[in-house]
Amino acid sequence: MSEKTFTSPNISCHHCTNTIERELGELEGVEAVQADPKTKQVQVRWSEPATWDRIRATLDELGYPAQE
């Protein structure tokens, strides 16, 4: 299992965090997603077949790129 916490500067409200949590949560292997609109931080926990590259690509597609 892998886990990463990062900032996504485009997060501005709960709608943003709900979108991130829903879309990442649908990826196979993603076990948990928690996003905070106040800190603009996202915590993701996953195992195979999910990968950080796939999670990051999904965030880019959604318009919420990760800053590590």
Protein backbone atom coordinates (compact mmCIF):
# COMPACT_ATOMS: atom_id res chain seq x y z
CA MET A 1 0.00 0.00 0.00
CA SER A 2 1.18 3.52 -0.83
CA GLU A 3 0.09 6.86 0.53
CA LYS A 4 0.76 10.43 -0.51
CA THR A 5 -0.29 13.86 0.73
CA PHE A 6 0.01 16.77 -1.66
CA THR A 7 -1.37 20.23 -2.38
CA SER A 8 -3.62 21.09 -5.31
CA PRO A 9 -3.74 24.90 -5.59
CA ASN A 10 -6.87 24.86 -7.79
CA ILE A 11 -9.06 23.60 -4.92
CA SER A 12 -11.38 26.41 -3.87
CA CYS A 13 -14.48 24.81 -2.32
CA HIS A 14 -16.23 21.62 -1.20
CA HIS A 15 -17.44 20.99 -4.76
CA CYS A 16 -13.78 20.72 -5.79
CA THR A 17 -12.95 18.29 -2.99
CA ASN A 18 -16.07 16.22 -3.67
CA THR A 19 -15.08 15.92 -7.33
CA ILE A 20 -11.54 14.84 -6.45
CA GLU A 21 -12.74 12.32 -3.85
CA ARG A 22 -15.37 10.86 -6.18
CA GLU A 23 -13.20 10.60 -9.30
CA LEU A 24 -10.08 9.25 -7.60
CA GLY A 25 -12.22 6.91 -5.51
CA GLU A 26 -13.48 5.30 -8.72
CA LEU A 27 -9.97 4.28 -9.79
CA GLU A 28 -9.34 0.60 -9.20
CA GLY A 29 -6.94 0.17 -6.30
CA VAL A 30 -7.59 3.55 -4.66
CA GLU A 31 -8.57 2.77 -1.09
CA ALA A 32 -9.09 6.22 0.43
CA VAL A 33 -9.16 9.86 -0.64
CA GLN A 34 -9.52 12.81 1.69
CA ALA A 35 -9.38 16.41 0.45
CA ASP A 36 -9.55 19.61 2.49
CA PRO A 37 -10.69 22.86 0.82
CA LYS A 38 -9.14 25.02 3.56
CA THR A 39 -5.61 23.67 3.25
CA LYS A 40 -5.95 22.58 -0.41
CA GLN A 41 -4.35 19.30 0.62
CA VAL A 42 -5.31 15.86 -0.61
CA GLN A 43 -4.36 12.54 0.96
CA VAL A 44 -4.61 9.41 -1.19
CA ARG A 45 -4.01 5.78 -0.20
CA TRP A 46 -3.78 3.10 -2.87
CA SER A 47 -2.46 -0.30 -3.85
CA GLU A 48 -2.06 -2.07 -7.18
CA PRO A 49 -3.32 -1.79 -9.85
CA ALA A 50 -3.49 1.96 -9.06
CA THR A 51 -0.26 3.93 -9.49
CA TRP A 52 0.79 7.45 -8.57
CA ASP A 53 1.22 8.23 -12.30
CA ARG A 54 -2.41 7.26 -12.98
CA ILE A 55 -3.68 9.22 -9.97
CA ARG A 56 -1.65 12.26 -11.01
CA ALA A 57 -2.91 12.01 -14.62
CA THR A 58 -6.51 11.85 -13.38
CA LEU A 59 -5.96 14.97 -11.26
CA ASP A 60 -4.52 16.76 -14.31
CA GLU A 61 -7.56 15.75 -16.39
CA LEU A 62 -9.88 17.10 -13.68
CA GLY A 63 -8.04 20.43 -13.53
CA TYR A 64 -6.62 19.86 -10.05
CA PRO A 65 -2.91 19.16 -10.67
CA ALA A 66 -0.85 17.90 -7.73
CA GLN A 67 2.04 19.88 -6.32
CA GLU A 68 4.40 17.74 -4.29
